[in-house]
């Protein structure tokens, strides 16, 4: 009840200032009146209380408002129009800019010249006159105005189109201020343009002037772009000069030490007799700030990280891999060294770190697959990661939407070919196969255990042989050391990628515990990728057969993959693909059509020939539907190799079916034996 009384009394208290309040029964309230109904002349302060309490206050005008401005006569006031206020505000802004920017007037003049000189339809003579005029106005002030977003664009256009003497003058004026300009967000573009236009002598001078500042610039978001650009433009010795500063304090201080021929850090340490611990300490102090800031787009940093992982101890290498495992890795794998780092992270990372790497690629899979270096990281994931469900969910689902583009792309087709025919030297180049077997020395326990076990086994074998041959114990030690030395040399050859063993046995990627054939079946067949890929091959059979890159994908699919991985699950789909190719080959031969027949096309004829030799099921389908009774038409040109392949087939039934029709053509010389086969038969 008390609360209700308080609620009812609150509005009465507010209104009692202006009038007396009557109760419900009509009697006046006993509360005293604070305001009289009529103003008192005796108290002048009551005049201020005339207005009701709730009335809104008038808006106070700022003294700078236009109504307070005096007119030109200074006697009466008038309000300015909108146009006049706009002009007045613009004049004030211009005045402020002139005070703040000492070269504001010059920049305005240069901007007007730039609008004329950057046109595409302007004559060369007119442009050169405008450039000369602009350079004359900027002479002596170039370093001061190069940091402006307007002037830097004008200078870039001038450097691009000016004469060599004018360019040299600009270069000489900018060179003393190169380090300052390299850290400016606008001037950095001018510096890069100057590097591109510099002569060999000027570029060498610029790279030598960067000495001592490489590490500090690499830690700067803008300055790192300049260092990377200089690194890309320099020759091998100049690149080495920039890298040496990041390896060791001694190489940073003494220029003579840096001028050695060895490029690998391990060789430099052994030749100069540097302390490995001090080199690691110095490199850690350089690398850690770069990793913390996330400046990982540059190939120079990737090279430094590769060299660091080669000499790092177990804990340091594991720490670097842990920091890189995630979305940061996506920004590195576009370079050759960056893709190697990506594969090392996949190989030596834990299951949790591998999961982070794959999840960090989500949404970028298609772009990575089409990249020449990035696709190798995906190949490594297919070859090493056991979590096939995660790979199917994130990588394969995104790839399935663009299977045709993947099959026709030079780089992206490697992903499909790695699943269809893994670690085949025809599809992966030597560098790619070696990079799949790269390891971090401190993290690869396998190498150490193998060396120890081989040494023990060699000792046991040598002792047995010595007992058989009655070799004295003194000579036994010498022989065992010789054998151990050969073992070590074999291990070194294997690590460097050079060995006498066949390529397919050597290049089996490590890193996963699951059986490679089971992992491959789960990724290719169980995920539904193979079924969709066969459908794409059926729909685009002609385009894939006549393509330089797509022909290899359709060949492996039609063959059923290596080890017959697509059989017998997808036999029905494969028969449909064989029939689709046979229908293309069954089209009539016509000289009038612009499109080349699949049997006469260079790429498709060789692909069909290989299928006849390697896939008897396809050969019998092609013979029945396309070539039976028509071999004489195709006995010349590229198509003759397709026809003759039936006689070369390893399957006796295929040879038997075709021999009856083909042998007379060979005897009368209509169907000629290929030169390579003819010379082989003669030998």
Foldseek 3Di string as FASTA:
>chain_A
DVVVVVVVCVVVVLPLQADWDADPVGHTDPDDRPDDNDDDPVDVVCVVVPDRPPDDDDDDDDCPAQQNDADPVRPHGDHDDPVVVVVVVVVVVVVVVVVVDVCVVLLVVLLVLQVVLPDPPDDLVVNQVSLVVNCVSCPPPCVVCCLDQRSVVSLLSSCVRYDPVSLVSSLVVCQVVVVVLQLRPRNVVVLLSNCVVDDPVSLVVSLVVCQPPLLVLLLHLRSVVNVLSSCVPDDPLSVQLSLQCLQAPVVSVDVVLSPDDDRQPVVSCVVVVPDLVRRLVSNCVSLVSNLVVLSAQGVSNLVSLVSNLQSDADVVNLVVLQSCQALSLVSQQLDQSSLLSLLQSLQLPDLVSVLRNLVSCAPVQVVLLLRQRSVLSVLSCLQAPQPLVSCLVGRVVVCLVPVVVQLQHLRNVLNLQCLQENQDCVNAPLSSLLSLAAYRVNRCVVLVVVLVVVLVVLLVVLVVVCVVVVPDPVVSVVVSVVVSVVVVVQSVCLNVSHDPDDRVVSRRGYRHPDDSLVSSLCNCPVSCNLVSNLVVCLVCVPVLQLRPRSLVSLLSSLLCGPPNSNPPVCVVSSVSSLLSVLVQLQDDDDPPDPDDRLLQRPRSVVSLLVCVQRPVVSLVSNCVRHPPPPVLVQQDHSNLSSLCSQCVHPDPVSNVVSVVPCVVCPVVVSRDDDPVVVVVVVD
